[in-house]
Amino acid sequence: MALAKPALFAALRSDSDSLLARSLAGVLKSPKATIAAFVCILLILTALFGPALAPQDPYDLSTLDIMDSKLPPGSESMSGTVYWFGTDVQGRDMLSAMIYGLRTSLFVGVLAGLVALVVGTVLGLSAAYFGGRVDSVIMRLVDLMLGFPTLLVALMLLAILGQGVGKVIFALVLVQWAMFARAVRAAALVEKGKDYIEAARMLGLSRPRMLFGHLLPNCLSPLIVIGTLQVANAISAEATLSFLGIGLPITQPSLGLLIANGYQVLLSGQYWISVYPGLLLLTLVFSINIVGDRLREVLNPRLAER
């Protein structure tokens, strides 16, 4: 029995390594997924180093000039600055505003997805491991959350709570955790009856260690896929909420709010105020979804056989 513990841990490490290697190799085998992953990495790096890359701080009022408002792409201001993507109604450089909006959208989407993943994983593992009443209560909550449209629930919550980054993240977590919980529970129920779980019980390991040290690593495949897709859904939902005016405040604009700022002048020839942020949002969400779909094909044994 003393030799079983190192062997068990080594098997878990090799499974985890093979999962990551298989995911990376699967993405690189698809030219479409490789390009999408490259675009995602490029946009993430742009968001991380946004303040250094942006030509202007679009929310520093001292740098704005109302005479530069609504300039078309490629225009030159009176001070000699070239606005390659034009300016909006406040005279902000659209390129700088899009970089800052990208930072906000990615921050909200990724953080909401991670928190929802943690909450859903804990509840899903608990439901599968303990069963009985714990399973019934958690899964009825899951059914309740999945029974309502995601956007409608988020709209109701933000109408009550008001605007704010923390409130938007809370609303997105509340409508997303159920997807993770259901997926983790289904995977954990399959793994629960396998020999390595019985071996862990015989070694006298604590329940948290069995849940998160042994059961969870073998349920990572659906989590990786759903987590990737849910980040894209969170970014889209936040953009929709901000476009409707109940998401993020004006002081912390995202891509959705930038699109809303130019919506009223969209048909008057000043298309760039809404179209460019919209194209950036579309590129971001589309790239993440392509990577997520490819991971689903690679990590799903039935799809991988085709």
Protein backbone atom coordinates (compact mmCIF):
# COMPACT_ATOMS: atom_id res chain seq x y z
CA MET A 1 0.00 0.00 0.00
CA ALA A 2 2.95 2.33 0.62
CA LEU A 3 3.89 2.04 -3.03
CA ALA A 4 0.37 2.87 -4.19
CA LYS A 5 0.51 6.55 -3.21
CA PRO A 6 3.50 7.59 -5.41
CA ALA A 7 2.14 5.54 -8.30
CA LEU A 8 -1.27 7.20 -7.93
CA PHE A 9 0.20 10.71 -7.89
CA ALA A 10 2.46 9.94 -10.88
CA ALA A 11 -0.53 8.71 -12.89
CA LEU A 12 -2.47 11.88 -12.11
CA ARG A 13 0.46 14.09 -13.14
CA SER A 14 0.90 12.22 -16.41
CA ASP A 15 -2.84 12.47 -17.16
CA SER A 16 -2.75 16.22 -16.54
CA ASP A 17 0.34 16.67 -18.72
CA SER A 18 -1.17 14.58 -21.51
CA LEU A 19 -4.39 16.62 -21.37
CA LEU A 20 -2.53 19.91 -21.83
CA ALA A 21 -0.29 18.45 -24.53
CA ARG A 22 -3.28 16.96 -26.35
CA SER A 23 -5.14 20.27 -26.19
CA LEU A 24 -2.19 22.24 -27.54
CA ALA A 25 -1.44 19.69 -30.26
CA GLY A 26 -5.09 19.58 -31.27
CA VAL A 27 -5.29 23.35 -31.66
CA LEU A 28 -2.04 23.49 -33.67
CA LYS A 29 -3.22 20.76 -36.05
CA SER A 30 -6.09 22.96 -37.22
CA PRO A 31 -5.01 26.01 -39.27
CA LYS A 32 -8.25 27.78 -38.44
CA ALA A 33 -7.87 27.19 -34.70
CA THR A 34 -4.19 28.17 -34.83
CA ILE A 35 -5.02 31.51 -36.43
CA ALA A 36 -7.83 32.06 -33.92
CA ALA A 37 -5.51 31.26 -31.01
CA PHE A 38 -2.90 33.68 -32.40
CA VAL A 39 -5.57 36.41 -32.67
CA CYS A 40 -6.69 35.74 -29.09
CA ILE A 41 -3.11 35.97 -27.79
CA LEU A 42 -2.53 39.17 -29.76
CA LEU A 43 -5.69 40.79 -28.37
CA ILE A 44 -4.85 39.70 -24.82
CA LEU A 45 -1.35 41.17 -25.09
CA THR A 46 -2.82 44.36 -26.53
CA ALA A 47 -5.17 44.59 -23.56
CA LEU A 48 -2.41 43.89 -21.03
CA PHE A 49 -0.07 46.54 -22.44
CA GLY A 50 -2.87 48.88 -23.49
CA PRO A 51 -1.75 52.06 -21.69
CA ALA A 52 1.70 51.80 -23.27
CA LEU A 53 0.31 51.10 -26.75
CA ALA A 54 -2.57 53.59 -26.85
CA PRO A 55 -1.64 56.93 -28.48
CA GLN A 56 -3.89 58.75 -26.02
CA ASP A 57 -5.57 58.29 -22.67
CA PRO A 58 -9.14 58.62 -23.98
CA TYR A 59 -10.56 59.33 -20.52
CA ASP A 60 -8.15 62.10 -19.54
CA LEU A 61 -10.27 65.19 -20.19
CA SER A 62 -7.21 67.43 -20.36
CA THR A 63 -6.07 65.69 -23.55
CA LEU A 64 -9.40 66.01 -25.39
CA ASP A 65 -10.40 68.79 -27.74
CA ILE A 66 -14.05 69.18 -28.75
CA MET A 67 -12.87 70.55 -32.10
CA ASP A 68 -11.54 67.05 -32.90
CA SER A 69 -14.94 65.38 -32.50
CA LYS A 70 -16.33 63.11 -35.22
CA LEU A 71 -13.21 63.21 -37.36
CA PRO A 72 -13.19 60.43 -40.00
CA PRO A 73 -10.45 57.77 -40.06
CA GLY A 74 -7.08 59.07 -41.19
CA SER A 75 -7.84 62.67 -40.25
CA GLU A 76 -5.23 64.98 -38.79
CA SER A 77 -6.01 67.24 -35.85
CA MET A 78 -4.98 70.89 -35.54
CA SER A 79 -2.10 69.76 -33.30
CA GLY A 80 -0.80 67.40 -35.99
CA THR A 81 -2.03 64.13 -34.45
CA VAL A 82 -3.28 61.57 -36.98
CA TYR A 83 -6.40 59.63 -35.90
CA TRP A 84 -6.15 56.42 -37.92
CA PHE A 85 -9.54 55.16 -36.68
CA GLY A 86 -11.17 58.58 -36.37
CA THR A 87 -12.63 60.17 -33.25
CA ASP A 88 -15.97 59.97 -31.47
CA VAL A 89 -18.40 62.69 -30.44
CA GLN A 90 -16.20 63.67 -27.46
CA GLY A 91 -13.09 63.97 -29.60
CA ARG A 92 -11.49 60.80 -28.26
CA ASP A 93 -9.12 58.81 -30.43
CA MET A 94 -11.08 55.70 -31.41
CA LEU A 95 -7.98 53.50 -31.51
CA SER A 96 -7.15 54.41 -27.91
CA ALA A 97 -10.78 54.06 -26.82
CA MET A 98 -10.97 50.58 -28.40
CA ILE A 99 -7.78 49.44 -26.66
CA TYR A 100 -9.09 50.59 -23.29
CA GLY A 101 -12.52 49.11 -24.03
CA LEU A 102 -10.88 45.81 -24.93
CA ARG A 103 -9.10 45.80 -21.56
CA THR A 104 -12.38 46.27 -19.73
CA SER A 105 -14.29 43.67 -21.77
CA LEU A 106 -11.59 41.03 -21.33
CA PHE A 107 -11.23 41.75 -17.61
CA VAL A 108 -14.95 41.40 -16.96
CA GLY A 109 -15.39 38.35 -19.20
CA VAL A 110 -12.38 36.39 -17.96
CA LEU A 111 -12.94 37.18 -14.28
CA ALA A 112 -16.65 36.33 -14.48
CA GLY A 113 -15.81 33.08 -16.27
CA LEU A 114 -13.17 32.09 -13.71
CA VAL A 115 -15.39 32.82 -10.70
CA ALA A 116 -18.30 30.95 -12.29
CA LEU A 117 -15.96 28.03 -13.01
CA VAL A 118 -14.81 27.87 -9.38
CA VAL A 119 -18.34 28.10 -7.95
CA GLY A 120 -19.78 25.60 -10.43
CA THR A 121 -16.90 23.16 -9.98
CA VAL A 122 -17.19 23.10 -6.20
CA LEU A 123 -20.95 22.59 -6.31
CA GLY A 124 -20.79 20.02 -9.12
CA LEU A 125 -18.13 17.94 -7.37
CA SER A 126 -20.04 18.10 -4.09
CA ALA A 127 -23.25 16.97 -5.79
CA ALA A 128 -21.54 14.00 -7.45
CA TYR A 129 -19.49 12.91 -4.44
CA PHE A 130 -22.04 13.23 -1.63
CA GLY A 131 -25.20 12.41 -3.61
CA GLY A 132 -28.55 12.17 -1.81
CA ARG A 133 -30.07 15.41 -0.59
CA VAL A 134 -26.97 17.43 -1.39
CA ASP A 135 -27.17 16.29 -5.01
CA SER A 136 -30.92 16.94 -5.19
CA VAL A 137 -30.71 20.48 -3.79
CA ILE A 138 -27.78 21.52 -5.98
CA MET A 139 -29.23 20.07 -9.16
CA ARG A 140 -32.62 21.67 -8.55
CA LEU A 141 -30.84 25.01 -8.28
CA VAL A 142 -29.04 24.20 -11.54
CA ASP A 143 -32.32 23.37 -13.25
CA LEU A 144 -33.84 26.60 -11.94
CA MET A 145 -30.97 28.73 -13.25
CA LEU A 146 -30.88 27.02 -16.63
CA GLY A 147 -34.65 27.40 -16.97
CA PHE A 148 -34.41 31.19 -17.37
CA PRO A 149 -32.84 33.11 -20.26
CA THR A 150 -29.35 34.24 -19.28
CA LEU A 151 -29.70 37.79 -20.53
CA LEU A 152 -33.10 38.27 -18.88
CA VAL A 153 -31.80 37.26 -15.46
CA ALA A 154 -28.77 39.54 -15.84
CA LEU A 155 -31.01 42.44 -16.89
CA MET A 156 -33.23 41.95 -13.84
CA LEU A 157 -30.28 41.77 -11.46
CA LEU A 158 -28.58 44.88 -12.81
CA ALA A 159 -31.86 46.77 -12.84
CA ILE A 160 -32.01 46.11 -9.08
CA LEU A 161 -28.29 46.42 -8.23
CA GLY A 162 -27.35 49.24 -10.59
CA GLN A 163 -24.22 49.79 -12.67
CA GLY A 164 -20.68 48.80 -11.74
CA VAL A 165 -17.94 46.36 -12.68
CA GLY A 166 -18.43 44.24 -9.56
CA LYS A 167 -22.20 44.11 -10.08
CA VAL A 168 -21.87 43.05 -13.71
CA ILE A 169 -19.40 40.30 -12.74
CA PHE A 170 -21.76 39.12 -9.98
CA ALA A 171 -24.68 38.98 -12.42
CA LEU A 172 -22.66 37.04 -15.00
CA VAL A 173 -21.39 34.57 -12.40
CA LEU A 174 -24.93 33.96 -11.17
CA VAL A 175 -26.17 33.07 -14.64
CA GLN A 176 -23.13 30.99 -15.67
CA TRP A 177 -22.17 28.78 -12.72
CA ALA A 178 -24.94 26.25 -13.44
CA MET A 179 -23.35 25.22 -16.76
CA PHE A 180 -20.10 24.32 -15.00
CA ALA A 181 -21.89 22.53 -12.16
CA ARG A 182 -23.87 20.29 -14.50
CA ALA A 183 -20.82 19.40 -16.64
CA VAL A 184 -18.58 18.67 -13.63
CA ARG A 185 -21.24 16.56 -11.92
CA ALA A 186 -21.72 14.42 -15.05
CA ALA A 187 -17.96 13.86 -15.41
CA ALA A 188 -17.47 13.22 -11.69
CA LEU A 189 -20.22 10.60 -11.57
CA VAL A 190 -18.36 8.63 -14.25
CA GLU A 191 -15.00 8.95 -12.46
CA LYS A 192 -16.40 8.31 -8.98
CA GLY A 193 -16.74 4.56 -9.51
CA LYS A 194 -13.23 4.00 -10.87
CA ASP A 195 -10.43 2.17 -9.08
CA TYR A 196 -8.22 5.18 -8.35
CA ILE A 197 -10.98 6.76 -6.22
CA GLU A 198 -11.30 3.53 -4.24
CA ALA A 199 -7.52 3.45 -3.84
CA ALA A 200 -7.59 7.04 -2.53
CA ARG A 201 -10.26 6.04 0.02
CA MET A 202 -8.16 3.11 1.19
CA LEU A 203 -5.19 5.44 1.65
CA GLY A 204 -7.31 7.42 4.10
CA LEU A 205 -7.18 10.70 2.21
CA SER A 206 -9.44 13.52 3.35
CA ARG A 207 -12.54 14.41 1.35
CA PRO A 208 -11.22 17.77 0.09
CA ARG A 209 -8.03 16.07 -1.09
CA MET A 210 -9.99 13.35 -2.85
CA LEU A 211 -12.32 15.89 -4.48
CA PHE A 212 -9.78 18.45 -5.63
CA GLY A 213 -6.62 16.36 -5.78
CA HIS A 214 -7.94 13.24 -7.51
CA LEU A 215 -11.49 13.63 -8.80
CA LEU A 216 -11.15 17.15 -10.21
CA PRO A 217 -8.04 16.55 -12.40
CA ASN A 218 -9.91 13.82 -14.24
CA CYS A 219 -12.87 16.15 -14.91
CA LEU A 220 -10.81 18.90 -16.54
CA SER A 221 -11.69 18.10 -20.15
CA PRO A 222 -15.27 19.45 -20.09
CA LEU A 223 -14.19 22.32 -17.84
CA ILE A 224 -11.59 23.53 -20.33
CA VAL A 225 -14.10 23.48 -23.19
CA ILE A 226 -16.99 25.06 -21.30
CA GLY A 227 -14.70 27.60 -19.63
CA THR A 228 -13.41 28.81 -23.00
CA LEU A 229 -16.88 29.13 -24.48
CA GLN A 230 -18.33 30.75 -21.36
CA VAL A 231 -15.68 33.47 -21.40
CA ALA A 232 -16.85 34.37 -24.91
CA ASN A 233 -20.47 34.29 -23.72
CA ALA A 234 -19.61 36.52 -20.76
CA ILE A 235 -17.92 39.07 -23.03
CA SER A 236 -20.94 39.07 -25.35
CA ALA A 237 -23.41 39.37 -22.46
CA GLU A 238 -21.47 42.23 -20.87
CA ALA A 239 -21.32 44.05 -24.21
CA THR A 240 -25.08 43.63 -24.60
CA LEU A 241 -25.78 44.92 -21.11
CA SER A 242 -23.48 47.92 -21.59
CA PHE A 243 -25.05 48.65 -24.98
CA LEU A 244 -28.45 48.76 -23.29
CA GLY A 245 -27.08 51.22 -20.74
CA ILE A 246 -27.34 49.09 -17.59
CA GLY A 247 -23.91 47.44 -17.59
CA LEU A 248 -20.67 49.27 -16.96
CA PRO A 249 -20.60 52.99 -16.11
CA ILE A 250 -19.31 55.66 -18.52
CA THR A 251 -16.10 55.98 -16.49
CA GLN A 252 -15.23 52.32 -17.26
CA PRO A 253 -16.46 51.80 -20.82
CA SER A 254 -16.25 48.48 -22.59
CA LEU A 255 -16.61 47.67 -26.27
CA GLY A 256 -20.37 47.42 -25.85
CA LEU A 257 -20.58 50.96 -24.50
CA LEU A 258 -18.37 52.25 -27.32
CA ILE A 259 -20.76 50.71 -29.82
CA ALA A 260 -23.69 52.37 -28.06
CA ASN A 261 -21.96 55.77 -28.14
CA GLY A 262 -21.99 55.83 -31.94
CA TYR A 263 -25.30 54.09 -32.52
CA GLN A 264 -27.32 57.30 -32.87
CA VAL A 265 -25.01 58.69 -35.58
CA LEU A 266 -24.48 55.36 -37.36
CA LEU A 267 -26.79 56.20 -40.27
CA SER A 268 -25.52 59.76 -40.66
CA GLY A 269 -22.24 58.66 -42.25
CA GLN A 270 -20.18 58.51 -39.03
CA TYR A 271 -20.01 54.74 -39.09
CA TRP A 272 -16.55 54.36 -37.54
CA ILE A 273 -17.71 55.25 -34.02
CA SER A 274 -19.75 52.04 -33.76
CA VAL A 275 -18.45 49.82 -36.55
CA TYR A 276 -14.80 49.60 -35.48
CA PRO A 277 -15.53 48.64 -31.84
CA GLY A 278 -18.15 46.21 -33.16
CA LEU A 279 -15.64 44.56 -35.48
CA LEU A 280 -13.14 44.26 -32.63
CA LEU A 281 -15.77 42.67 -30.37
CA LEU A 282 -16.80 40.30 -33.17
CA THR A 283 -13.18 39.29 -33.80
CA LEU A 284 -12.55 38.64 -30.10
CA VAL A 285 -15.67 36.54 -29.51
CA PHE A 286 -15.38 34.69 -32.82
CA SER A 287 -11.73 33.75 -32.16
CA ILE A 288 -12.45 32.46 -28.67
CA ASN A 289 -15.38 30.38 -29.96
CA ILE A 290 -13.24 28.82 -32.70
CA VAL A 291 -10.61 27.79 -30.15
CA GLY A 292 -13.32 26.45 -27.83
CA ASP A 293 -14.94 24.42 -30.61
CA ARG A 294 -11.58 22.94 -31.54
CA LEU A 295 -10.88 21.99 -27.94
CA ARG A 296 -14.30 20.33 -27.79
CA GLU A 297 -13.41 18.23 -30.84
CA VAL A 298 -10.01 17.27 -29.41
CA LEU A 299 -11.08 16.48 -25.84
CA ASN A 300 -14.32 14.70 -26.70
CA PRO A 301 -13.42 11.07 -27.52
CA ARG A 302 -16.47 10.57 -29.75
CA LEU A 303 -15.69 13.64 -31.86
CA ALA A 304 -11.97 12.87 -31.93
CA GLU A 305 -12.63 9.51 -33.59
CA ARG A 306 -14.32 11.15 -36.60
